């Protein structure tokens, strides 16, 4: 059984003159997988999308270590989980001693952003 925990973040509705308006009723609930390995072996619905984008940069999903998947959901009034907003993937390629490649996808697994973080450098991917 997969252990999940939830983190709530206030949703910013508008930014004007450096001041953000926050609506407490529109929290963004971030569902965090209980640890590396929760979605291995093709069990995450966006794995093929991530594998494809990694392959475009000369990386293989099977070579990635420290793999983590996150599901960001909008919360509904009353504390119930709402629909998926985004999925996020983090994994460390063999060429990186630290850091990771991060892939952000929409609710249908369409890739929105690919970047590196934490000192990981991969040709063709910006940090």
C-alpha atoms as a PDB file:
ATOM      1  CA  UNK A   1       0.000   0.000   0.000  1.00  0.00           C
ATOM      2  CA  UNK A   2       1.351   3.397  -0.970  1.00  0.00           C
ATOM      3  CA  UNK A   3       1.655   5.915   1.869  1.00  0.00           C
ATOM      4  CA  UNK A   4       0.685   9.472   0.931  1.00  0.00           C
ATOM      5  CA  UNK A   5       0.912  12.727   2.798  1.00  0.00           C
ATOM      6  CA  UNK A   6      -0.588  16.052   1.834  1.00  0.00           C
ATOM      7  CA  UNK A   7       0.857  19.544   1.979  1.00  0.00           C
ATOM      8  CA  UNK A   8      -1.439  22.535   1.523  1.00  0.00           C
ATOM      9  CA  UNK A   9      -0.222  25.700  -0.159  1.00  0.00           C
ATOM     10  CA  UNK A  10      -2.261  28.887  -0.522  1.00  0.00           C
ATOM     11  CA  UNK A  11      -3.241  29.602  -4.113  1.00  0.00           C
ATOM     12  CA  UNK A  12      -2.199  33.017  -5.350  1.00  0.00           C
ATOM     13  CA  UNK A  13      -5.053  34.543  -7.302  1.00  0.00           C
ATOM     14  CA  UNK A  14      -3.561  37.856  -8.376  1.00  0.00           C
ATOM     15  CA  UNK A  15      -0.316  39.763  -8.134  1.00  0.00           C
ATOM     16  CA  UNK A  16      -0.455  43.538  -8.470  1.00  0.00           C
ATOM     17  CA  UNK A  17       2.303  45.937  -7.511  1.00  0.00           C
ATOM     18  CA  UNK A  18       4.247  43.179  -5.767  1.00  0.00           C
ATOM     19  CA  UNK A  19       1.326  42.243  -3.489  1.00  0.00           C
ATOM     20  CA  UNK A  20      -0.275  38.829  -3.883  1.00  0.00           C
ATOM     21  CA  UNK A  21      -3.943  38.277  -3.129  1.00  0.00           C
ATOM     22  CA  UNK A  22      -4.534  34.892  -1.528  1.00  0.00           C
ATOM     23  CA  UNK A  23      -7.859  33.085  -1.344  1.00  0.00           C
ATOM     24  CA  UNK A  24      -7.880  30.656   1.588  1.00  0.00           C
ATOM     25  CA  UNK A  25     -10.727  28.717  -0.060  1.00  0.00           C
ATOM     26  CA  UNK A  26      -8.558  27.859  -3.070  1.00  0.00           C
ATOM     27  CA  UNK A  27      -5.699  25.917  -1.503  1.00  0.00           C
ATOM     28  CA  UNK A  28      -3.405  23.839  -3.650  1.00  0.00           C
ATOM     29  CA  UNK A  29      -2.960  20.445  -2.072  1.00  0.00           C
ATOM     30  CA  UNK A  30       0.280  18.719  -2.970  1.00  0.00           C
ATOM     31  CA  UNK A  31       0.146  14.964  -2.682  1.00  0.00           C
ATOM     32  CA  UNK A  32       3.632  13.619  -2.003  1.00  0.00           C
ATOM     33  CA  UNK A  33       4.569   9.999  -2.580  1.00  0.00           C
ATOM     34  CA  UNK A  34       5.848   8.308   0.556  1.00  0.00           C
ATOM     35  CA  UNK A  35       9.388   7.849  -0.757  1.00  0.00           C
ATOM     36  CA  UNK A  36      11.567   6.867  -3.678  1.00  0.00           C
ATOM     37  CA  UNK A  37      10.377   3.754  -5.449  1.00  0.00           C
ATOM     38  CA  UNK A  38       6.639   4.273  -4.957  1.00  0.00           C
ATOM     39  CA  UNK A  39       6.077   4.445  -8.711  1.00  0.00           C
ATOM     40  CA  UNK A  40       8.742   2.200 -10.221  1.00  0.00           C
ATOM     41  CA  UNK A  41       8.376  -0.437 -12.896  1.00  0.00           C
ATOM     42  CA  UNK A  42       5.957   1.472 -15.108  1.00  0.00           C
ATOM     43  CA  UNK A  43       3.366   1.993 -12.405  1.00  0.00           C
ATOM     44  CA  UNK A  44       3.168   5.783 -12.752  1.00  0.00           C
ATOM     45  CA  UNK A  45       0.780   6.899 -15.463  1.00  0.00           C
ATOM     46  CA  UNK A  46       3.245   9.507 -16.833  1.00  0.00           C
ATOM     47  CA  UNK A  47       6.295   7.268 -16.939  1.00  0.00           C
ATOM     48  CA  UNK A  48       6.257   6.874 -20.747  1.00  0.00           C
ATOM     49  CA  UNK A  49       6.075  10.667 -21.230  1.00  0.00           C
ATOM     50  CA  UNK A  50       9.073  11.156 -18.928  1.00  0.00           C
ATOM     51  CA  UNK A  51      10.990   8.290 -20.551  1.00  0.00           C
ATOM     52  CA  UNK A  52      10.425   9.901 -23.957  1.00  0.00           C
ATOM     53  CA  UNK A  53      11.669  13.327 -22.917  1.00  0.00           C
ATOM     54  CA  UNK A  54      14.679  11.822 -21.130  1.00  0.00           C
ATOM     55  CA  UNK A  55      15.533   9.809 -24.231  1.00  0.00           C
ATOM     56  CA  UNK A  56      15.544  13.028 -26.294  1.00  0.00           C
ATOM     57  CA  UNK A  57      18.373  14.185 -24.021  1.00  0.00           C
ATOM     58  CA  UNK A  58      20.350  10.944 -24.168  1.00  0.00           C
ATOM     59  CA  UNK A  59      19.107   9.629 -20.809  1.00  0.00           C
ATOM     60  CA  UNK A  60      17.363   6.353 -19.962  1.00  0.00           C
ATOM     61  CA  UNK A  61      14.649   6.045 -17.343  1.00  0.00           C
ATOM     62  CA  UNK A  62      16.112   2.712 -16.217  1.00  0.00           C
ATOM     63  CA  UNK A  63      19.445   4.410 -15.381  1.00  0.00           C
ATOM     64  CA  UNK A  64      17.876   7.070 -13.137  1.00  0.00           C
ATOM     65  CA  UNK A  65      18.387   6.842  -9.368  1.00  0.00           C
ATOM     66  CA  UNK A  66      16.635   8.593  -6.495  1.00  0.00           C
ATOM     67  CA  UNK A  67      13.402   8.636  -8.534  1.00  0.00           C
ATOM     68  CA  UNK A  68      10.506  10.577  -7.008  1.00  0.00           C
ATOM     69  CA  UNK A  69       7.004  11.316  -8.325  1.00  0.00           C
ATOM     70  CA  UNK A  70       4.693  13.998  -6.954  1.00  0.00           C
ATOM     71  CA  UNK A  71       1.029  14.697  -7.662  1.00  0.00           C
ATOM     72  CA  UNK A  72      -0.209  18.259  -7.160  1.00  0.00           C
ATOM     73  CA  UNK A  73      -3.959  18.507  -6.575  1.00  0.00           C
ATOM     74  CA  UNK A  74      -6.295  21.389  -5.997  1.00  0.00           C
ATOM     75  CA  UNK A  75      -8.138  21.041  -2.701  1.00  0.00           C
ATOM     76  CA  UNK A  76     -11.912  21.371  -2.543  1.00  0.00           C
ATOM     77  CA  UNK A  77     -13.879  23.053   0.198  1.00  0.00           C
ATOM     78  CA  UNK A  78     -14.248  20.717   3.136  1.00  0.00           C
ATOM     79  CA  UNK A  79     -10.734  19.315   2.752  1.00  0.00           C
ATOM     80  CA  UNK A  80     -11.431  16.765   0.011  1.00  0.00           C
ATOM     81  CA  UNK A  81      -8.810  16.188  -2.685  1.00  0.00           C
ATOM     82  CA  UNK A  82      -9.675  17.889  -5.924  1.00  0.00           C
ATOM     83  CA  UNK A  83      -8.601  17.169  -9.483  1.00  0.00           C
ATOM     84  CA  UNK A  84      -4.959  16.711 -10.467  1.00  0.00           C
ATOM     85  CA  UNK A  85      -3.236  19.939 -11.445  1.00  0.00           C
ATOM     86  CA  UNK A  86       0.260  18.648 -12.243  1.00  0.00           C
ATOM     87  CA  UNK A  87       2.575  15.664 -11.935  1.00  0.00           C
ATOM     88  CA  UNK A  88       6.267  16.113 -11.170  1.00  0.00           C
ATOM     89  CA  UNK A  89       9.156  13.707 -11.724  1.00  0.00           C
ATOM     90  CA  UNK A  90      12.639  13.956 -10.208  1.00  0.00           C
ATOM     91  CA  UNK A  91      15.470  11.540 -10.962  1.00  0.00           C
ATOM     92  CA  UNK A  92      19.275  11.551 -10.878  1.00  0.00           C
ATOM     93  CA  UNK A  93      21.085  10.440 -14.050  1.00  0.00           C
ATOM     94  CA  UNK A  94      24.371   8.533 -13.693  1.00  0.00           C
ATOM     95  CA  UNK A  95      26.294  11.606 -14.917  1.00  0.00           C
ATOM     96  CA  UNK A  96      25.246  13.633 -11.847  1.00  0.00           C
ATOM     97  CA  UNK A  97      26.789  13.079  -8.412  1.00  0.00           C
ATOM     98  CA  UNK A  98      24.089  15.265  -6.874  1.00  0.00           C
ATOM     99  CA  UNK A  99      20.893  17.018  -7.904  1.00  0.00           C
ATOM    100  CA  UNK A 100      18.348  15.767 -10.403  1.00  0.00           C
ATOM    101  CA  UNK A 101      16.469  16.205 -13.639  1.00  0.00           C
ATOM    102  CA  UNK A 102      12.982  17.609 -12.987  1.00  0.00           C
ATOM    103  CA  UNK A 103      10.048  17.122 -15.375  1.00  0.00           C
ATOM    104  CA  UNK A 104       6.709  18.881 -14.818  1.00  0.00           C
ATOM    105  CA  UNK A 105       3.612  17.577 -16.618  1.00  0.00           C
ATOM    106  CA  UNK A 106      -0.036  18.529 -16.813  1.00  0.00           C
ATOM    107  CA  UNK A 107      -2.865  16.288 -15.681  1.00  0.00           C
ATOM    108  CA  UNK A 108      -2.798  14.416 -19.023  1.00  0.00           C
ATOM    109  CA  UNK A 109       1.012  13.872 -18.807  1.00  0.00           C
ATOM    110  CA  UNK A 110       1.858  16.528 -21.404  1.00  0.00           C
ATOM    111  CA  UNK A 111       5.372  17.753 -20.602  1.00  0.00           C
ATOM    112  CA  UNK A 112       5.374  21.409 -19.521  1.00  0.00           C
ATOM    113  CA  UNK A 113       8.931  21.909 -18.298  1.00  0.00           C
ATOM    114  CA  UNK A 114      12.250  20.041 -18.148  1.00  0.00           C
ATOM    115  CA  UNK A 115      15.143  21.366 -16.068  1.00  0.00           C
ATOM    116  CA  UNK A 116      17.993  20.324 -13.832  1.00  0.00           C
ATOM    117  CA  UNK A 117      18.444  21.271 -10.188  1.00  0.00           C
ATOM    118  CA  UNK A 118      20.836  20.901  -7.285  1.00  0.00           C
ATOM    119  CA  UNK A 119      24.055  20.951  -9.290  1.00  0.00           C
ATOM    120  CA  UNK A 120      23.076  18.342 -11.885  1.00  0.00           C
ATOM    121  CA  UNK A 121      24.068  19.347 -15.423  1.00  0.00           C
ATOM    122  CA  UNK A 122      22.781  17.663 -18.577  1.00  0.00           C
ATOM    123  CA  UNK A 123      23.541  18.950 -22.082  1.00  0.00           C
ATOM    124  CA  UNK A 124      20.452  20.553 -23.604  1.00  0.00           C
ATOM    125  CA  UNK A 125      18.568  20.957 -20.317  1.00  0.00           C
ATOM    126  CA  UNK A 126      18.649  24.291 -18.504  1.00  0.00           C
ATOM    127  CA  UNK A 127      18.761  24.641 -14.760  1.00  0.00           C
END
